[in-house]
Amino acid sequence: MTNDCLFCAIAAGEIPSKKVYEDELCLAFYDIAPQAPVHFLVIPKAHIPSVAGVNSANSAVVAHIFEVIAHVSRELGLESYRVVSNIGDQAGQTVHHLHFHVLSGRDMTWPPG
């Protein structure tokens, strides 16, 4: 846990969130500024700054997160959704803790951004 990390504080229960799913490795919760009718985030409980920080020591949690995304999406009845992770300031990453946005419920345009 990093002391100044918003998502570490959410994962630790220090800041409330509207939880969708939680286990010992990760937490899924609804975004406070949704960009689609369904918009939740999935984060590892361990602090990883972004996808750029994924390595052989922590990559298993990323695989687990994708299993959780599939499970939660099925539970919510989502047939189509987009998974996004921003890496770095120029890409729009505002919280430097690995997280995946799951968006659904509207048409998604391409290219994004």
PDB file of N, CA and C in Angstrom:
ATOM      1  N   MET A   1       0.847  -1.190   0.000  1.00  0.00           N
ATOM      2  CA  MET A   1       0.000   0.000   0.000  1.00  0.00           C
ATOM      3  C   MET A   1       0.881   1.237   0.000  1.00  0.00           C
ATOM      4  N   THR A   2       0.504   2.185  -0.830  1.00  0.00           N
ATOM      5  CA  THR A   2       1.187   3.465  -0.873  1.00  0.00           C
ATOM      6  C   THR A   2       0.318   4.487  -0.140  1.00  0.00           C
ATOM      7  N   ASN A   3       0.919   5.249   0.758  1.00  0.00           N
ATOM      8  CA  ASN A   3       0.163   6.149   1.628  1.00  0.00           C
ATOM      9  C   ASN A   3      -0.661   7.193   0.892  1.00  0.00           C
ATOM     10  N   ASP A   4      -0.193   7.673  -0.243  1.00  0.00           N
ATOM     11  CA  ASP A   4      -0.908   8.737  -0.938  1.00  0.00           C
ATOM     12  C   ASP A   4      -1.729   8.227  -2.124  1.00  0.00           C
ATOM     13  N   CYS A   5      -1.970   6.938  -2.187  1.00  0.00           N
ATOM     14  CA  CYS A   5      -2.680   6.355  -3.326  1.00  0.00           C
ATOM     15  C   CYS A   5      -4.173   6.196  -3.012  1.00  0.00           C
ATOM     16  N   LEU A   6      -5.004   6.862  -3.803  1.00  0.00           N
ATOM     17  CA  LEU A   6      -6.456   6.791  -3.634  1.00  0.00           C
ATOM     18  C   LEU A   6      -6.961   5.353  -3.690  1.00  0.00           C
ATOM     19  N   PHE A   7      -6.511   4.578  -4.681  1.00  0.00           N
ATOM     20  CA  PHE A   7      -7.024   3.217  -4.829  1.00  0.00           C
ATOM     21  C   PHE A   7      -6.511   2.282  -3.740  1.00  0.00           C
ATOM     22  N   CYS A   8      -5.318   2.524  -3.215  1.00  0.00           N
ATOM     23  CA  CYS A   8      -4.857   1.752  -2.059  1.00  0.00           C
ATOM     24  C   CYS A   8      -5.777   2.006  -0.862  1.00  0.00           C
ATOM     25  N   ALA A   9      -6.179   3.259  -0.679  1.00  0.00           N
ATOM     26  CA  ALA A   9      -7.078   3.612   0.426  1.00  0.00           C
ATOM     27  C   ALA A   9      -8.454   2.984   0.233  1.00  0.00           C
ATOM     28  N   ILE A  10      -8.946   2.944  -1.000  1.00  0.00           N
ATOM     29  CA  ILE A  10     -10.228   2.294  -1.281  1.00  0.00           C
ATOM     30  C   ILE A  10     -10.109   0.794  -1.017  1.00  0.00           C
ATOM     31  N   ALA A  11      -9.034   0.172  -1.495  1.00  0.00           N
ATOM     32  CA  ALA A  11      -8.828  -1.262  -1.296  1.00  0.00           C
ATOM     33  C   ALA A  11      -8.728  -1.617   0.186  1.00  0.00           C
ATOM     34  N   ALA A  12      -8.159  -0.723   0.970  1.00  0.00           N
ATOM     35  CA  ALA A  12      -8.009  -0.949   2.413  1.00  0.00           C
ATOM     36  C   ALA A  12      -9.287  -0.649   3.187  1.00  0.00           C
ATOM     37  N   GLY A  13     -10.310  -0.123   2.519  1.00  0.00           N
ATOM     38  CA  GLY A  13     -11.565   0.215   3.187  1.00  0.00           C
ATOM     39  C   GLY A  13     -11.545   1.548   3.896  1.00  0.00           C
ATOM     40  N   GLU A  14     -10.504   2.333   3.679  1.00  0.00           N
ATOM     41  CA  GLU A  14     -10.399   3.648   4.322  1.00  0.00           C
ATOM     42  C   GLU A  14     -11.291   4.683   3.646  1.00  0.00           C
ATOM     43  N   ILE A  15     -11.591   4.475   2.376  1.00  0.00           N
ATOM     44  CA  ILE A  15     -12.489   5.335   1.612  1.00  0.00           C
ATOM     45  C   ILE A  15     -13.598   4.438   1.083  1.00  0.00           C
ATOM     46  N   PRO A  16     -14.850   4.818   1.301  1.00  0.00           N
ATOM     47  CA  PRO A  16     -15.950   3.947   0.861  1.00  0.00           C
ATOM     48  C   PRO A  16     -16.068   3.899  -0.661  1.00  0.00           C
ATOM     49  N   SER A  17     -16.586   2.777  -1.136  1.00  0.00           N
ATOM     50  CA  SER A  17     -16.863   2.604  -2.563  1.00  0.00           C
ATOM     51  C   SER A  17     -18.108   1.736  -2.698  1.00  0.00           C
ATOM     52  N   LYS A  18     -18.724   1.804  -3.858  1.00  0.00           N
ATOM     53  CA  LYS A  18     -19.874   0.958  -4.145  1.00  0.00           C
ATOM     54  C   LYS A  18     -19.336  -0.323  -4.785  1.00  0.00           C
ATOM     55  N   LYS A  19     -19.087  -1.318  -3.947  1.00  0.00           N
ATOM     56  CA  LYS A  19     -18.433  -2.544  -4.375  1.00  0.00           C
ATOM     57  C   LYS A  19     -19.325  -3.391  -5.277  1.00  0.00           C
ATOM     58  N   VAL A  20     -18.672  -3.976  -6.279  1.00  0.00           N
ATOM     59  CA  VAL A  20     -19.311  -4.940  -7.169  1.00  0.00           C
ATOM     60  C   VAL A  20     -18.820  -6.339  -6.821  1.00  0.00           C
ATOM     61  N   TYR A  21     -17.538  -6.431  -6.428  1.00  0.00           N
ATOM     62  CA  TYR A  21     -16.898  -7.714  -6.156  1.00  0.00           C
ATOM     63  C   TYR A  21     -15.659  -7.451  -5.311  1.00  0.00           C
ATOM     64  N   GLU A  22     -15.343  -8.422  -4.448  1.00  0.00           N
ATOM     65  CA  GLU A  22     -14.104  -8.324  -3.680  1.00  0.00           C
ATOM     66  C   GLU A  22     -13.632  -9.713  -3.305  1.00  0.00           C
ATOM     67  N   ASP A  23     -12.327  -9.926  -3.394  1.00  0.00           N
ATOM     68  CA  ASP A  23     -11.702 -11.129  -2.863  1.00  0.00           C
ATOM     69  C   ASP A  23     -10.352 -10.727  -2.285  1.00  0.00           C
ATOM     70  N   GLU A  24      -9.506 -11.686  -1.968  1.00  0.00           N
ATOM     71  CA  GLU A  24      -8.234 -11.363  -1.316  1.00  0.00           C
ATOM     72  C   GLU A  24      -7.240 -10.651  -2.236  1.00  0.00           C
ATOM     73  N   LEU A  25      -7.439 -10.755  -3.548  1.00  0.00           N
ATOM     74  CA  LEU A  25      -6.490 -10.173  -4.499  1.00  0.00           C
ATOM     75  C   LEU A  25      -6.935  -8.871  -5.148  1.00  0.00           C
ATOM     76  N   CYS A  26      -8.253  -8.705  -5.296  1.00  0.00           N
ATOM     77  CA  CYS A  26      -8.720  -7.538  -6.051  1.00  0.00           C
ATOM     78  C   CYS A  26     -10.069  -7.033  -5.556  1.00  0.00           C
ATOM     79  N   LEU A  27     -10.409  -5.865  -6.061  1.00  0.00           N
ATOM     80  CA  LEU A  27     -11.661  -5.209  -5.720  1.00  0.00           C
ATOM     81  C   LEU A  27     -12.251  -4.619  -6.991  1.00  0.00           C
ATOM     82  N   ALA A  28     -13.557  -4.778  -7.163  1.00  0.00           N
ATOM     83  CA  ALA A  28     -14.281  -4.136  -8.264  1.00  0.00           C
ATOM     84  C   ALA A  28     -15.317  -3.210  -7.656  1.00  0.00           C
ATOM     85  N   PHE A  29     -15.397  -1.998  -8.190  1.00  0.00           N
ATOM     86  CA  PHE A  29     -16.343  -1.020  -7.652  1.00  0.00           C
ATOM     87  C   PHE A  29     -16.770  -0.073  -8.774  1.00  0.00           C
ATOM     88  N   TYR A  30     -17.955   0.521  -8.601  1.00  0.00           N
ATOM     89  CA  TYR A  30     -18.489   1.423  -9.615  1.00  0.00           C
ATOM     90  C   TYR A  30     -17.716   2.735  -9.640  1.00  0.00           C
ATOM     91  N   ASP A  31     -17.486   3.244 -10.840  1.00  0.00           N
ATOM     92  CA  ASP A  31     -16.795   4.515 -11.041  1.00  0.00           C
ATOM     93  C   ASP A  31     -17.679   5.659 -10.532  1.00  0.00           C
ATOM     94  N   ILE A  32     -17.076   6.647  -9.868  1.00  0.00           N
ATOM     95  CA  ILE A  32     -17.861   7.770  -9.342  1.00  0.00           C
ATOM     96  C   ILE A  32     -18.235   8.774 -10.420  1.00  0.00           C
ATOM     97  N   ALA A  33     -17.593   8.689 -11.589  1.00  0.00           N
ATOM     98  CA  ALA A  33     -17.915   9.561 -12.724  1.00  0.00           C
ATOM     99  C   ALA A  33     -18.097   8.677 -13.962  1.00  0.00           C
ATOM    100  N   PRO A  34     -19.186   7.897 -13.994  1.00  0.00           N
ATOM    101  CA  PRO A  34     -19.346   6.906 -15.063  1.00  0.00           C
ATOM    102  C   PRO A  34     -19.393   7.515 -16.461  1.00  0.00           C
ATOM    103  N   GLN A  35     -18.735   6.815 -17.388  1.00  0.00           N
ATOM    104  CA  GLN A  35     -18.693   7.222 -18.790  1.00  0.00           C
ATOM    105  C   GLN A  35     -19.601   6.352 -19.659  1.00  0.00           C
ATOM    106  N   ALA A  36     -20.364   5.479 -19.026  1.00  0.00           N
ATOM    107  CA  ALA A  36     -21.315   4.601 -19.707  1.00  0.00           C
ATOM    108  C   ALA A  36     -22.352   4.189 -18.673  1.00  0.00           C
ATOM    109  N   PRO A  37     -23.502   3.675 -19.117  1.00  0.00           N
ATOM    110  CA  PRO A  37     -24.522   3.234 -18.153  1.00  0.00           C
ATOM    111  C   PRO A  37     -23.995   2.230 -17.123  1.00  0.00           C
ATOM    112  N   VAL A  38     -23.094   1.360 -17.545  1.00  0.00           N
ATOM    113  CA  VAL A  38     -22.383   0.476 -16.616  1.00  0.00           C
ATOM    114  C   VAL A  38     -20.908   0.839 -16.721  1.00  0.00           C
ATOM    115  N   HIS A  39     -20.307   1.200 -15.582  1.00  0.00           N
ATOM    116  CA  HIS A  39     -18.891   1.564 -15.569  1.00  0.00           C
ATOM    117  C   HIS A  39     -18.336   1.220 -14.197  1.00  0.00           C
ATOM    118  N   PHE A  40     -17.557   0.149 -14.157  1.00  0.00           N
ATOM    119  CA  PHE A  40     -16.897  -0.214 -12.912  1.00  0.00           C
ATOM    120  C   PHE A  40     -15.408  -0.391 -13.156  1.00  0.00           C
ATOM    121  N   LEU A  41     -14.655  -0.336 -12.072  1.00  0.00           N
ATOM    122  CA  LEU A  41     -13.208  -0.497 -12.107  1.00  0.00           C
ATOM    123  C   LEU A  41     -12.844  -1.776 -11.381  1.00  0.00           C
ATOM    124  N   VAL A  42     -11.781  -2.407 -11.831  1.00  0.00           N
ATOM    125  CA  VAL A  42     -11.228  -3.549 -11.110  1.00  0.00           C
ATOM    126  C   VAL A  42      -9.761  -3.228 -10.843  1.00  0.00           C
ATOM    127  N   ILE A  43      -9.382  -3.327  -9.562  1.00  0.00           N
ATOM    128  CA  ILE A  43      -8.023  -2.988  -9.141  1.00  0.00           C
ATOM    129  C   ILE A  43      -7.420  -4.141  -8.347  1.00  0.00           C
ATOM    130  N   PRO A  44      -6.093  -4.297  -8.437  1.00  0.00           N
ATOM    131  CA  PRO A  44      -5.449  -5.228  -7.508  1.00  0.00           C
ATOM    132  C   PRO A  44      -5.362  -4.562  -6.138  1.00  0.00           C
ATOM    133  N   LYS A  45      -5.419  -5.350  -5.083  1.00  0.00           N
ATOM    134  CA  LYS A  45      -5.251  -4.768  -3.753  1.00  0.00           C
ATOM    135  C   LYS A  45      -3.791  -4.360  -3.516  1.00  0.00           C
ATOM    136  N   ALA A  46      -2.867  -5.083  -4.129  1.00  0.00           N
ATOM    137  CA  ALA A  46      -1.457  -4.710  -4.049  1.00  0.00           C
ATOM    138  C   ALA A  46      -1.210  -3.532  -4.983  1.00  0.00           C
ATOM    139  N   HIS A  47      -0.357  -2.635  -4.564  1.00  0.00           N
ATOM    140  CA  HIS A  47      -0.076  -1.457  -5.392  1.00  0.00           C
ATOM    141  C   HIS A  47       0.841  -1.819  -6.557  1.00  0.00           C
ATOM    142  N   ILE A  48       0.333  -1.627  -7.759  1.00  0.00           N
ATOM    143  CA  ILE A  48       1.098  -1.716  -9.005  1.00  0.00           C
ATOM    144  C   ILE A  48       0.779  -0.405  -9.716  1.00  0.00           C
ATOM    145  N   PRO A  49       1.768   0.376 -10.119  1.00  0.00           N
ATOM    146  CA  PRO A  49       1.492   1.716 -10.667  1.00  0.00           C
ATOM    147  C   PRO A  49       0.653   1.734 -11.945  1.00  0.00           C
ATOM    148  N   SER A  50       0.845   0.767 -12.834  1.00  0.00           N
ATOM    149  CA  SER A  50       0.092   0.712 -14.094  1.00  0.00           C
ATOM    150  C   SER A  50       0.449  -0.594 -14.787  1.00  0.00           C
ATOM    151  N   VAL A  51      -0.077  -0.797 -15.986  1.00  0.00           N
ATOM    152  CA  VAL A  51       0.287  -1.961 -16.784  1.00  0.00           C
ATOM    153  C   VAL A  51       1.804  -2.014 -16.987  1.00  0.00           C
ATOM    154  N   ALA A  52       2.431  -0.853 -17.071  1.00  0.00           N
ATOM    155  CA  ALA A  52       3.883  -0.796 -17.252  1.00  0.00           C
ATOM    156  C   ALA A  52       4.638  -1.408 -16.078  1.00  0.00           C
ATOM    157  N   GLY A  53       3.993  -1.547 -14.933  1.00  0.00           N
ATOM    158  CA  GLY A  53       4.625  -2.135 -13.755  1.00  0.00           C
ATOM    159  C   GLY A  53       4.357  -3.618 -13.585  1.00  0.00           C
ATOM    160  N   VAL A  54       3.686  -4.237 -14.552  1.00  0.00           N
ATOM    161  CA  VAL A  54       3.403  -5.671 -14.469  1.00  0.00           C
ATOM    162  C   VAL A  54       4.672  -6.442 -14.809  1.00  0.00           C
ATOM    163  N   ASN A  55       4.976  -7.464 -13.991  1.00  0.00           N
ATOM    164  CA  ASN A  55       6.169  -8.277 -14.203  1.00  0.00           C
ATOM    165  C   ASN A  55       5.889  -9.721 -13.788  1.00  0.00           C
ATOM    166  N   SER A  56       6.892 -10.558 -13.857  1.00  0.00           N
ATOM    167  CA  SER A  56       6.690 -11.977 -13.547  1.00  0.00           C
ATOM    168  C   SER A  56       6.289 -12.205 -12.091  1.00  0.00           C
ATOM    169  N   ALA A  57       6.626 -11.295 -11.210  1.00  0.00           N
ATOM    170  CA  ALA A  57       6.276 -11.446  -9.796  1.00  0.00           C
ATOM    171  C   ALA A  57       4.823 -11.091  -9.496  1.00  0.00           C
ATOM    172  N   ASN A  58       4.180 -10.261 -10.341  1.00  0.00           N
ATOM    173  CA  ASN A  58       2.816  -9.830 -10.042  1.00  0.00           C
ATOM    174  C   ASN A  58       1.812 -10.097 -11.165  1.00  0.00           C
ATOM    175  N   SER A  59       2.235 -10.738 -12.234  1.00  0.00           N
ATOM    176  CA  SER A  59       1.343 -10.918 -13.383  1.00  0.00           C
ATOM    177  C   SER A  59       0.170 -11.861 -13.113  1.00  0.00           C
ATOM    178  N   ALA A  60       0.296 -12.743 -12.148  1.00  0.00           N
ATOM    179  CA  ALA A  60      -0.815 -13.657 -11.844  1.00  0.00           C
ATOM    180  C   ALA A  60      -2.051 -12.884 -11.383  1.00  0.00           C
ATOM    181  N   VAL A  61      -1.858 -11.779 -10.681  1.00  0.00           N
ATOM    182  CA  VAL A  61      -3.009 -10.996 -10.233  1.00  0.00           C
ATOM    183  C   VAL A  61      -3.726 -10.370 -11.425  1.00  0.00           C
ATOM    184  N   VAL A  62      -2.995 -10.040 -12.478  1.00  0.00           N
ATOM    185  CA  VAL A  62      -3.629  -9.470 -13.672  1.00  0.00           C
ATOM    186  C   VAL A  62      -4.501 -10.527 -14.353  1.00  0.00           C
ATOM    187  N   ALA A  63      -3.999 -11.744 -14.461  1.00  0.00           N
ATOM    188  CA  ALA A  63      -4.811 -12.828 -15.020  1.00  0.00           C
ATOM    189  C   ALA A  63      -6.068 -13.030 -14.170  1.00  0.00           C
ATOM    190  N   HIS A  64      -5.902 -12.981 -12.860  1.00  0.00           N
ATOM    191  CA  HIS A  64      -7.049 -13.127 -11.961  1.00  0.00           C
ATOM    192  C   HIS A  64      -8.058 -11.999 -12.172  1.00  0.00           C
ATOM    193  N   ILE A  65      -7.565 -10.784 -12.349  1.00  0.00           N
ATOM    194  CA  ILE A  65      -8.458  -9.641 -12.588  1.00  0.00           C
ATOM    195  C   ILE A  65      -9.298  -9.874 -13.838  1.00  0.00           C
ATOM    196  N   PHE A  66      -8.701 -10.407 -14.895  1.00  0.00           N
ATOM    197  CA  PHE A  66      -9.475 -10.667 -16.108  1.00  0.00           C
ATOM    198  C   PHE A  66     -10.501 -11.775 -15.902  1.00  0.00           C
ATOM    199  N   GLU A  67     -10.207 -12.746 -15.054  1.00  0.00           N
ATOM    200  CA  GLU A  67     -11.212 -13.744 -14.681  1.00  0.00           C
ATOM    201  C   GLU A  67     -12.361 -13.066 -13.937  1.00  0.00           C
ATOM    202  N   VAL A  68     -12.036 -12.136 -13.045  1.00  0.00           N
ATOM    203  CA  VAL A  68     -13.058 -11.399 -12.286  1.00  0.00           C
ATOM    204  C   VAL A  68     -13.890 -10.529 -13.229  1.00  0.00           C
ATOM    205  N   ILE A  69     -13.255  -9.871 -14.189  1.00  0.00           N
ATOM    206  CA  ILE A  69     -14.004  -9.061 -15.154  1.00  0.00           C
ATOM    207  C   ILE A  69     -15.022  -9.929 -15.882  1.00  0.00           C
ATOM    208  N   ALA A  70     -14.608 -11.096 -16.344  1.00  0.00           N
ATOM    209  CA  ALA A  70     -15.528 -12.000 -17.041  1.00  0.00           C
ATOM    210  C   ALA A  70     -16.662 -12.451 -16.115  1.00  0.00           C
ATOM    211  N   HIS A  71     -16.334 -12.799 -14.879  1.00  0.00           N
ATOM    212  CA  HIS A  71     -17.338 -13.255 -13.909  1.00  0.00           C
ATOM    213  C   HIS A  71     -18.357 -12.155 -13.589  1.00  0.00           C
ATOM    214  N   VAL A  72     -17.858 -10.968 -13.251  1.00  0.00           N
ATOM    215  CA  VAL A  72     -18.749  -9.863 -12.888  1.00  0.00           C
ATOM    216  C   VAL A  72     -19.612  -9.466 -14.082  1.00  0.00           C
ATOM    217  N   SER A  73     -19.025  -9.431 -15.266  1.00  0.00           N
ATOM    218  CA  SER A  73     -19.786  -9.073 -16.468  1.00  0.00           C
ATOM    219  C   SER A  73     -20.921 -10.067 -16.720  1.00  0.00           C
ATOM    220  N   ARG A  74     -20.641 -11.355 -16.528  1.00  0.00           N
ATOM    221  CA  ARG A  74     -21.709 -12.367 -16.650  1.00  0.00           C
ATOM    222  C   ARG A  74     -22.786 -12.130 -15.588  1.00  0.00           C
ATOM    223  N   GLU A  75     -22.357 -11.895 -14.351  1.00  0.00           N
ATOM    224  CA  GLU A  75     -23.307 -11.664 -13.248  1.00  0.00           C
ATOM    225  C   GLU A  75     -24.208 -10.458 -13.524  1.00  0.00           C
ATOM    226  N   LEU A  76     -23.656  -9.438 -14.156  1.00  0.00           N
ATOM    227  CA  LEU A  76     -24.427  -8.233 -14.471  1.00  0.00           C
ATOM    228  C   LEU A  76     -25.213  -8.371 -15.775  1.00  0.00           C
ATOM    229  N   GLY A  77     -25.050  -9.497 -16.464  1.00  0.00           N
ATOM    230  CA  GLY A  77     -25.779  -9.728 -17.708  1.00  0.00           C
ATOM    231  C   GLY A  77     -25.235  -8.944 -18.889  1.00  0.00           C
ATOM    232  N   LEU A  78     -23.963  -8.575 -18.833  1.00  0.00           N
ATOM    233  CA  LEU A  78     -23.366  -7.799 -19.917  1.00  0.00           C
ATOM    234  C   LEU A  78     -22.958  -8.732 -21.053  1.00  0.00           C
ATOM    235  N   GLU A  79     -23.469  -8.467 -22.238  1.00  0.00           N
ATOM    236  CA  GLU A  79     -23.100  -9.268 -23.401  1.00  0.00           C
ATOM    237  C   GLU A  79     -21.964  -8.623 -24.174  1.00  0.00           C
ATOM    238  N   SER A  80     -21.826  -7.313 -24.040  1.00  0.00           N
ATOM    239  CA  SER A  80     -20.815  -6.570 -24.778  1.00  0.00           C
ATOM    240  C   SER A  80     -20.267  -5.494 -23.854  1.00  0.00           C
ATOM    241  N   TYR A  81     -18.949  -5.386 -23.820  1.00  0.00           N
ATOM    242  CA  TYR A  81     -18.335  -4.389 -22.949  1.00  0.00           C
ATOM    243  C   TYR A  81     -16.933  -4.093 -23.429  1.00  0.00           C
ATOM    244  N   ARG A  82     -16.392  -2.999 -22.942  1.00  0.00           N
ATOM    245  CA  ARG A  82     -15.026  -2.592 -23.266  1.00  0.00           C
ATOM    246  C   ARG A  82     -14.215  -2.570 -21.979  1.00  0.00           C
ATOM    247  N   VAL A  83     -12.972  -3.051 -22.060  1.00  0.00           N
ATOM    248  CA  VAL A  83     -12.036  -3.009 -20.943  1.00  0.00           C
ATOM    249  C   VAL A  83     -10.900  -2.070 -21.340  1.00  0.00           C
ATOM    250  N   VAL A  84     -10.615  -1.080 -20.479  1.00  0.00           N
ATOM    251  CA  VAL A  84      -9.621  -0.062 -20.787  1.00  0.00           C
ATOM    252  C   VAL A  84      -8.688   0.117 -19.596  1.00  0.00           C
ATOM    253  N   SER A  85      -7.400   0.273 -19.899  1.00  0.00           N
ATOM    254  CA  SER A  85      -6.440   0.681 -18.882  1.00  0.00           C
ATOM    255  C   SER A  85      -5.564   1.770 -19.478  1.00  0.00           C
ATOM    256  N   ASN A  86      -5.526   2.913 -18.835  1.00  0.00           N
ATOM    257  CA  ASN A  86      -4.695   4.033 -19.273  1.00  0.00           C
ATOM    258  C   ASN A  86      -3.342   3.932 -18.575  1.00  0.00           C
ATOM    259  N   ILE A  87      -2.272   4.133 -19.335  1.00  0.00           N
ATOM    260  CA  ILE A  87      -0.932   4.020 -18.788  1.00  0.00           C
ATOM    261  C   ILE A  87      -0.203   5.338 -19.016  1.00  0.00           C
ATOM    262  N   GLY A  88      -0.023   6.092 -17.948  1.00  0.00           N
ATOM    263  CA  GLY A  88       0.699   7.363 -18.031  1.00  0.00           C
ATOM    264  C   GLY A  88      -0.221   8.559 -18.201  1.00  0.00           C
ATOM    265  N   ASP A  89       0.326   9.710 -17.898  1.00  0.00           N
ATOM    266  CA  ASP A  89      -0.441  10.954 -17.918  1.00  0.00           C
ATOM    267  C   ASP A  89      -1.010  11.286 -19.295  1.00  0.00           C
ATOM    268  N   GLN A  90      -0.211  11.148 -20.346  1.00  0.00           N
ATOM    269  CA  GLN A  90      -0.685  11.495 -21.681  1.00  0.00           C
ATOM    270  C   GLN A  90      -1.842  10.601 -22.119  1.00  0.00           C
ATOM    271  N   ALA A  91      -1.894   9.377 -21.612  1.00  0.00           N
ATOM    272  CA  ALA A  91      -2.982   8.455 -21.948  1.00  0.00           C
ATOM    273  C   ALA A  91      -4.214   8.687 -21.080  1.00  0.00           C
ATOM    274  N   GLY A  92      -4.117   9.580 -20.098  1.00  0.00           N
ATOM    275  CA  GLY A  92      -5.267   9.898 -19.258  1.00  0.00           C
ATOM    276  C   GLY A  92      -5.290   9.193 -17.918  1.00  0.00           C
ATOM    277  N   GLN A  93      -4.183   8.577 -17.512  1.00  0.00           N
ATOM    278  CA  GLN A  93      -4.156   7.918 -16.205  1.00  0.00           C
ATOM    279  C   GLN A  93      -4.093   8.991 -15.126  1.00  0.00           C
ATOM    280  N   THR A  94      -5.112   9.051 -14.282  1.00  0.00           N
ATOM    281  CA  THR A  94      -5.144  10.059 -13.222  1.00  0.00           C
ATOM    282  C   THR A  94      -4.841   9.473 -11.853  1.00  0.00           C
ATOM    283  N   VAL A  95      -5.064   8.173 -11.672  1.00  0.00           N
ATOM    284  CA  VAL A  95      -4.698   7.487 -10.436  1.00  0.00           C
ATOM    285  C   VAL A  95      -3.631   6.464 -10.819  1.00  0.00           C
ATOM    286  N   HIS A  96      -2.453   6.616 -10.252  1.00  0.00           N
ATOM    287  CA  HIS A  96      -1.322   5.770 -10.641  1.00  0.00           C
ATOM    288  C   HIS A  96      -1.289   4.497  -9.793  1.00  0.00           C
ATOM    289  N   HIS A  97      -2.344   3.714  -9.979  1.00  0.00           N
ATOM    290  CA  HIS A  97      -2.521   2.384  -9.389  1.00  0.00           C
ATOM    291  C   HIS A  97      -3.218   1.594 -10.488  1.00  0.00           C
ATOM    292  N   LEU A  98      -2.676   0.455 -10.861  1.00  0.00           N
ATOM    293  CA  LEU A  98      -3.238  -0.348 -11.942  1.00  0.00           C
ATOM    294  C   LEU A  98      -4.738  -0.501 -11.766  1.00  0.00           C
ATOM    295  N   HIS A  99      -5.480  -0.204 -12.810  1.00  0.00           N
ATOM    296  CA  HIS A  99      -6.926  -0.398 -12.776  1.00  0.00           C
ATOM    297  C   HIS A  99      -7.444  -0.583 -14.184  1.00  0.00           C
ATOM    298  N   PHE A 100      -8.510  -1.343 -14.262  1.00  0.00           N
ATOM    299  CA  PHE A 100      -9.164  -1.609 -15.532  1.00  0.00           C
ATOM    300  C   PHE A 100     -10.587  -1.073 -15.459  1.00  0.00           C
ATOM    301  N   HIS A 101     -10.939  -0.218 -16.409  1.00  0.00           N
ATOM    302  CA  HIS A 101     -12.307   0.279 -16.539  1.00  0.00           C
ATOM    303  C   HIS A 101     -13.091  -0.755 -17.345  1.00  0.00           C
ATOM    304  N   VAL A 102     -14.281  -1.081 -16.898  1.00  0.00           N
ATOM    305  CA  VAL A 102     -15.186  -1.933 -17.663  1.00  0.00           C
ATOM    306  C   VAL A 102     -16.412  -1.082 -17.961  1.00  0.00           C
ATOM    307  N   LEU A 103     -16.658  -0.852 -19.255  1.00  0.00           N
ATOM    308  CA  LEU A 103     -17.752   0.018 -19.700  1.00  0.00           C
ATOM    309  C   LEU A 103     -18.718  -0.772 -20.565  1.00  0.00           C
ATOM    310  N   SER A 104     -20.024  -0.533 -20.359  1.00  0.00           N
ATOM    311  CA  SER A 104     -21.038  -1.229 -21.135  1.00  0.00           C
ATOM    312  C   SER A 104     -22.334  -0.431 -21.101  1.00  0.00           C
ATOM    313  N   GLY A 105     -23.255  -0.834 -21.963  1.00  0.00           N
ATOM    314  CA  GLY A 105     -24.578  -0.233 -21.949  1.00  0.00           C
ATOM    315  C   GLY A 105     -24.794   0.851 -22.982  1.00  0.00           C
ATOM    316  N   ARG A 106     -23.805   1.082 -23.826  1.00  0.00           N
ATOM    317  CA  ARG A 106     -23.949   2.045 -24.918  1.00  0.00           C
ATOM    318  C   ARG A 106     -23.011   1.629 -26.040  1.00  0.00           C
ATOM    319  N   ASP A 107     -23.235   2.181 -27.229  1.00  0.00           N
ATOM    320  CA  ASP A 107     -22.325   1.929 -28.337  1.00  0.00           C
ATOM    321  C   ASP A 107     -20.975   2.554 -28.033  1.00  0.00           C
ATOM    322  N   MET A 108     -19.925   1.825 -28.316  1.00  0.00           N
ATOM    323  CA  MET A 108     -18.567   2.322 -28.133  1.00  0.00           C
ATOM    324  C   MET A 108     -18.006   2.676 -29.505  1.00  0.00           C
ATOM    325  N   THR A 109     -17.488   3.873 -29.627  1.00  0.00           N
ATOM    326  CA  THR A 109     -16.930   4.296 -30.906  1.00  0.00           C
ATOM    327  C   THR A 109     -15.475   3.856 -31.021  1.00  0.00           C
ATOM    328  N   TRP A 110     -14.980   3.829 -32.246  1.00  0.00           N
ATOM    329  CA  TRP A 110     -13.584   3.518 -32.492  1.00  0.00           C
ATOM    330  C   TRP A 110     -13.046   4.444 -33.557  1.00  0.00           C
ATOM    331  N   PRO A 111     -11.933   5.050 -33.447  1.00  0.00           N
ATOM    332  CA  PRO A 111     -11.022   4.884 -32.317  1.00  0.00           C
ATOM    333  C   PRO A 111     -11.492   5.666 -31.092  1.00  0.00           C
ATOM    334  N   PRO A 112     -11.116   5.202 -29.905  1.00  0.00           N
ATOM    335  CA  PRO A 112     -11.481   5.922 -28.691  1.00  0.00           C
ATOM    336  C   PRO A 112     -10.662   7.202 -28.560  1.00  0.00           C
ATOM    337  N   GLY A 113     -11.112   8.073 -27.671  1.00  0.00           N
ATOM    338  CA  GLY A 113     -10.344   9.275 -27.362  1.00  0.00           C
ATOM    339  C   GLY A 113     -10.577  10.376 -28.243  1.00  0.00           C
TER     340      GLY A 113
END
